[in-house]
Amino acid sequence: MSRRTRIVAAVIMAPVAICAVLFLPTPWLAVLLASLLMLGLWEWTELAGIKEKTPRLAYLAGNALLMAAVVWGAGHGLFTLKLLSVIGATWWLFVLIWLARYQFASADTPLNRIIKLLAGTLCAVPAWAALCWLHASTPHGAGWALFALAIAWAADTGAYFVGVRFGRVKLAPRISPGKTREGLAGGLACSLLLALAALPLLGLSWNALPQMLLLTLVTALMSVVGDLYESLLKRHADAKDSSNLIPGHGGLLDRLDSLLAALPVFVVAKVWLGL
């Protein structure tokens, strides 16, 4: 796919996502995100080595029931959403170790398939819970939710264009040969510039700038971890993309991977930093 196709697809998808976050009430946004994550997890099952439709559908049903149980629990407050967000943020610390030991669970065995399916749930459900918690919070819940998504988008977009133009030194050649350190720097710079623009829009004073920049930096870095983790799974599965659903972008999971890591880390870090 050409670069033009990639850009056109992004231009179409971005306004839809922005309008959904800004104008949908939290319950409807939760349903929409859950539906997208189910499609992403469908692709995940194939990367995990599950080919038969029945176990793949059973896996999706199990995750959907888990989300439904969380919604029922959230009716008594946001505790379940907060707990899952913390679990998700903690999980991504373990993913860092997995990336360092990139051959872990690489063989196509029943045990490794189970490990990867559990990993899929630990990636998807906490990310869903984190966005729901963030969107339901006040004030500026929708704005904060959009900012969290935009950090990952800015990091990915900046890394792509800077990497294409200036990329020389590989970031993680054994996991994702296309990513470069120059691209990473470009993505982080774009995210930090976004934080400067978002600060007044979120009702914060300039005194909160250091916390805002730290929140953005941590989230952008973790979005890269999410991207690398999916790249690792694709290498294990000998796949270029999670599917060919989106022209120029591969599968839905290829668009969600960075958000899976960014969202729970963002919401936990936001609370920790007092924003």
Protein backbone atom coordinates (compact mmCIF):
# COMPACT_ATOMS: atom_id res chain seq x y z
CA MET A 1 0.00 0.00 0.00
CA SER A 2 1.25 3.49 -0.85
CA ARG A 3 1.85 6.25 1.64
CA ARG A 4 -1.08 8.14 0.06
CA THR A 5 -3.47 5.27 0.83
CA ARG A 6 -2.28 5.23 4.43
CA ILE A 7 -2.85 8.97 4.79
CA VAL A 8 -6.29 8.90 3.17
CA ALA A 9 -7.43 6.09 5.47
CA ALA A 10 -6.18 8.01 8.51
CA VAL A 11 -7.95 11.20 7.39
CA ILE A 12 -11.22 9.27 7.17
CA MET A 13 -10.84 7.42 10.49
CA ALA A 14 -9.60 10.29 12.66
CA PRO A 15 -12.70 12.55 12.49
CA VAL A 16 -14.97 9.58 13.23
CA ALA A 17 -12.96 8.67 16.32
CA ILE A 18 -12.81 12.29 17.51
CA CYS A 19 -16.57 12.80 17.13
CA ALA A 20 -17.29 9.54 18.95
CA VAL A 21 -15.15 10.53 21.94
CA LEU A 22 -16.45 14.09 22.13
CA PHE A 23 -20.15 13.57 21.49
CA LEU A 24 -21.13 10.05 22.53
CA PRO A 25 -22.21 9.50 26.15
CA THR A 26 -19.90 7.17 28.07
CA PRO A 27 -22.16 4.06 27.88
CA TRP A 28 -22.42 4.32 24.10
CA LEU A 29 -18.69 4.96 23.76
CA ALA A 30 -18.07 1.89 25.94
CA VAL A 31 -20.19 -0.24 23.61
CA LEU A 32 -18.44 1.12 20.52
CA LEU A 33 -14.97 0.57 21.95
CA ALA A 34 -15.89 -2.91 23.16
CA SER A 35 -17.08 -3.79 19.64
CA LEU A 36 -13.83 -2.57 18.11
CA LEU A 37 -11.82 -4.48 20.67
CA MET A 38 -13.74 -7.65 19.88
CA LEU A 39 -12.66 -7.29 16.26
CA GLY A 40 -9.11 -6.64 17.43
CA LEU A 41 -9.17 -9.71 19.66
CA TRP A 42 -10.44 -11.78 16.75
CA GLU A 43 -7.22 -10.83 14.94
CA TRP A 44 -5.29 -11.49 18.15
CA THR A 45 -6.51 -15.08 18.30
CA GLU A 46 -5.03 -15.78 14.89
CA LEU A 47 -1.69 -14.25 15.92
CA ALA A 48 -1.86 -16.48 18.99
CA GLY A 49 -2.10 -19.51 16.72
CA ILE A 50 -5.83 -20.26 17.07
CA LYS A 51 -7.24 -21.08 13.63
CA GLU A 52 -10.58 -22.78 14.37
CA LYS A 53 -13.61 -20.48 14.55
CA THR A 54 -15.27 -22.10 17.56
CA PRO A 55 -12.49 -21.47 20.11
CA ARG A 56 -11.94 -18.01 18.67
CA LEU A 57 -15.61 -17.15 19.12
CA ALA A 58 -15.58 -18.63 22.61
CA TYR A 59 -12.63 -16.42 23.51
CA LEU A 60 -14.46 -13.33 22.28
CA ALA A 61 -17.56 -14.33 24.21
CA GLY A 62 -15.52 -14.73 27.38
CA ASN A 63 -14.05 -11.25 27.02
CA ALA A 64 -17.45 -9.77 26.23
CA LEU A 65 -18.91 -11.37 29.36
CA LEU A 66 -16.03 -9.99 31.40
CA MET A 67 -16.75 -6.49 30.11
CA ALA A 68 -20.45 -6.94 30.85
CA ALA A 69 -19.59 -7.98 34.41
CA VAL A 70 -17.44 -4.87 34.75
CA VAL A 71 -20.30 -2.68 33.54
CA TRP A 72 -22.59 -4.27 36.14
CA GLY A 73 -19.98 -3.65 38.82
CA ALA A 74 -19.46 -0.08 37.65
CA GLY A 75 -23.13 0.56 38.40
CA HIS A 76 -22.07 0.81 42.03
CA GLY A 77 -19.23 3.23 41.26
CA LEU A 78 -16.07 3.28 39.19
CA PHE A 79 -14.06 0.94 41.41
CA THR A 80 -13.97 -1.96 38.95
CA LEU A 81 -12.87 0.33 36.12
CA LYS A 82 -10.12 1.80 38.31
CA LEU A 83 -8.96 -1.62 39.48
CA LEU A 84 -8.73 -2.95 35.92
CA SER A 85 -6.83 0.16 34.84
CA VAL A 86 -4.24 -0.41 37.57
CA ILE A 87 -3.98 -4.08 36.60
CA GLY A 88 -3.48 -3.04 32.99
CA ALA A 89 -0.79 -0.49 33.79
CA THR A 90 1.03 -3.11 35.88
CA TRP A 91 0.72 -5.69 33.11
CA TRP A 92 2.61 -3.47 30.69
CA LEU A 93 5.58 -3.46 33.04
CA PHE A 94 5.71 -7.24 32.57
CA VAL A 95 5.47 -6.73 28.81
CA LEU A 96 8.72 -4.77 28.97
CA ILE A 97 10.38 -7.91 30.33
CA TRP A 98 8.73 -9.99 27.60
CA LEU A 99 10.12 -7.65 24.94
CA ALA A 100 13.59 -8.02 26.42
CA ARG A 101 13.17 -11.81 26.26
CA TYR A 102 11.55 -11.70 22.84
CA GLN A 103 11.78 -15.45 22.25
CA PHE A 104 9.49 -16.17 25.20
CA ALA A 105 6.35 -18.06 24.07
CA SER A 106 7.51 -17.89 20.45
CA ALA A 107 6.97 -21.59 19.72
CA ASP A 108 3.51 -22.62 18.57
CA THR A 109 2.53 -24.85 21.51
CA PRO A 110 -0.79 -25.19 23.39
CA LEU A 111 0.69 -23.55 26.48
CA ASN A 112 2.05 -20.59 24.52
CA ARG A 113 -1.32 -20.14 22.82
CA ILE A 114 -2.99 -19.95 26.23
CA ILE A 115 -0.37 -17.45 27.44
CA LYS A 116 -1.00 -15.22 24.44
CA LEU A 117 -4.77 -15.42 24.82
CA LEU A 118 -4.47 -14.37 28.46
CA ALA A 119 -2.17 -11.58 27.33
CA GLY A 120 -4.82 -10.43 24.87
CA THR A 121 -7.37 -10.09 27.65
CA LEU A 122 -4.88 -8.24 29.86
CA CYS A 123 -4.23 -5.83 27.01
CA ALA A 124 -7.77 -5.22 25.79
CA VAL A 125 -10.04 -5.19 28.84
CA PRO A 126 -7.98 -2.79 31.00
CA ALA A 127 -7.59 -0.40 28.05
CA TRP A 128 -11.37 -0.42 27.60
CA ALA A 129 -11.89 0.15 31.34
CA ALA A 130 -9.36 2.99 31.39
CA LEU A 131 -11.04 4.91 28.57
CA CYS A 132 -14.46 4.44 30.15
CA TRP A 133 -13.16 5.66 33.53
CA LEU A 134 -11.46 8.64 31.91
CA HIS A 135 -14.47 9.57 29.78
CA ALA A 136 -16.85 9.34 32.73
CA SER A 137 -14.68 11.55 34.94
CA THR A 138 -15.38 15.24 35.40
CA PRO A 139 -14.56 17.90 34.48
CA HIS A 140 -13.40 17.63 30.87
CA GLY A 141 -13.77 13.85 30.79
CA ALA A 142 -14.27 13.68 27.02
CA GLY A 143 -11.38 16.10 26.49
CA TRP A 144 -9.03 14.04 28.63
CA ALA A 145 -10.09 10.87 26.81
CA LEU A 146 -9.40 12.48 23.45
CA PHE A 147 -6.05 13.77 24.69
CA ALA A 148 -5.02 10.27 25.76
CA LEU A 149 -5.84 8.92 22.30
CA ALA A 150 -4.17 11.88 20.60
CA ILE A 151 -0.88 11.26 22.43
CA ALA A 152 -0.64 7.79 20.89
CA TRP A 153 -1.70 9.12 17.49
CA ALA A 154 0.87 11.92 17.62
CA ALA A 155 3.63 9.54 18.72
CA ASP A 156 2.80 7.14 15.88
CA THR A 157 2.43 9.85 13.22
CA GLY A 158 5.57 11.71 14.25
CA ALA A 159 7.56 8.49 14.38
CA TYR A 160 6.35 7.47 10.92
CA PHE A 161 7.19 10.68 9.09
CA VAL A 162 10.43 11.44 10.93
CA GLY A 163 11.49 7.80 10.64
CA VAL A 164 10.85 7.75 6.89
CA ARG A 165 12.82 10.96 6.37
CA PHE A 166 15.62 10.73 8.92
CA GLY A 167 15.57 7.18 10.31
CA ARG A 168 18.98 5.55 10.50
CA VAL A 169 19.51 3.74 13.81
CA LYS A 170 17.19 0.78 14.44
CA LEU A 171 15.17 0.90 17.65
CA ALA A 172 14.46 -2.81 18.10
CA PRO A 173 15.65 -4.63 14.97
CA ARG A 174 14.83 -8.13 16.25
CA ILE A 175 11.24 -7.13 16.96
CA SER A 176 10.33 -4.39 14.48
CA PRO A 177 13.06 -3.65 11.91
CA GLY A 178 11.21 -0.62 10.52
CA LYS A 179 11.28 1.43 13.73
CA THR A 180 14.17 3.80 14.36
CA ARG A 181 15.44 5.85 17.26
CA GLU A 182 15.09 8.98 15.15
CA GLY A 183 11.44 8.11 14.56
CA LEU A 184 10.95 7.58 18.29
CA ALA A 185 12.41 11.02 19.01
CA GLY A 186 10.14 12.57 16.39
CA GLY A 187 7.08 10.88 17.84
CA LEU A 188 7.92 12.01 21.37
CA ALA A 189 8.47 15.58 20.16
CA CYS A 190 5.07 15.63 18.45
CA SER A 191 3.39 14.33 21.60
CA LEU A 192 5.03 16.96 23.80
CA LEU A 193 3.97 19.73 21.42
CA LEU A 194 0.45 18.37 21.63
CA ALA A 195 0.61 18.64 25.44
CA LEU A 196 1.44 22.34 25.16
CA ALA A 197 -1.64 22.92 23.01
CA ALA A 198 -3.91 20.78 25.19
CA LEU A 199 -3.02 22.34 28.54
CA PRO A 200 -5.35 25.38 28.36
CA LEU A 201 -8.06 23.41 26.53
CA LEU A 202 -8.28 21.02 29.50
CA GLY A 203 -8.72 23.88 31.95
CA LEU A 204 -5.24 23.61 33.45
CA SER A 205 -2.95 26.47 34.41
CA TRP A 206 0.59 26.70 33.12
CA ASN A 207 1.77 25.72 36.60
CA ALA A 208 0.68 22.19 35.70
CA LEU A 209 2.96 22.09 32.64
CA PRO A 210 5.70 19.89 34.21
CA GLN A 211 3.15 17.23 35.25
CA MET A 212 1.46 17.47 31.87
CA LEU A 213 4.71 16.97 29.99
CA LEU A 214 5.69 14.03 32.21
CA LEU A 215 2.26 12.42 31.73
CA THR A 216 2.55 12.86 27.97
CA LEU A 217 6.10 11.52 27.81
CA VAL A 218 5.30 8.39 29.82
CA THR A 219 2.14 7.73 27.81
CA ALA A 220 3.89 8.22 24.47
CA LEU A 221 6.69 5.86 25.47
CA MET A 222 4.20 3.22 26.55
CA SER A 223 2.30 3.60 23.29
CA VAL A 224 5.53 2.59 21.55
CA VAL A 225 5.76 -0.43 23.86
CA GLY A 226 2.25 -1.44 22.80
CA ASP A 227 3.25 -1.13 19.15
CA LEU A 228 6.39 -3.19 19.71
CA TYR A 229 4.48 -5.87 21.58
CA GLU A 230 2.08 -6.44 18.72
CA SER A 231 5.04 -6.46 16.33
CA LEU A 232 6.58 -9.19 18.47
CA LEU A 233 3.41 -11.28 18.26
CA LYS A 234 3.34 -10.81 14.50
CA ARG A 235 6.94 -12.00 14.23
CA HIS A 236 6.06 -15.06 16.29
CA ALA A 237 3.18 -15.72 13.90
CA ASP A 238 5.23 -14.82 10.81
CA ALA A 239 2.63 -12.22 9.84
CA LYS A 240 3.16 -8.76 8.35
CA ASP A 241 -0.16 -7.34 9.59
CA SER A 242 -2.87 -8.55 11.93
CA SER A 243 -5.22 -8.56 8.90
CA ASN A 244 -5.89 -6.53 5.75
CA LEU A 245 -9.05 -4.86 7.05
CA ILE A 246 -7.90 -1.21 6.75
CA PRO A 247 -6.23 -0.08 3.50
CA GLY A 248 -2.68 1.06 4.13
CA HIS A 249 -2.85 0.23 7.84
CA GLY A 250 -3.30 -3.53 8.02
CA GLY A 251 -5.72 -4.82 10.62
CA LEU A 252 -7.70 -3.12 13.33
CA LEU A 253 -5.25 -4.43 15.92
CA ASP A 254 -2.48 -2.63 14.05
CA ARG A 255 -4.32 0.63 14.82
CA LEU A 256 -5.22 -0.25 18.40
CA ASP A 257 -1.93 -1.73 19.61
CA SER A 258 -0.42 1.52 20.90
CA LEU A 259 -3.68 2.50 22.62
CA LEU A 260 -3.84 -0.78 24.51
CA ALA A 261 -0.74 0.26 26.43
CA ALA A 262 -1.25 4.02 26.43
CA LEU A 263 -4.74 4.16 27.96
CA PRO A 264 -4.27 2.35 31.30
CA VAL A 265 -0.87 3.94 31.85
CA PHE A 266 -2.27 7.38 31.04
CA VAL A 267 -5.18 7.23 33.46
CA VAL A 268 -3.11 5.80 36.32
CA ALA A 269 -0.30 8.32 35.77
CA LYS A 270 -2.84 11.16 35.54
CA VAL A 271 -4.22 10.33 38.96
CA TRP A 272 -0.74 9.82 40.43
CA LEU A 273 0.40 13.22 39.10
CA GLY A 274 -2.68 14.94 40.45
CA LEU A 275 -4.03 16.14 37.11
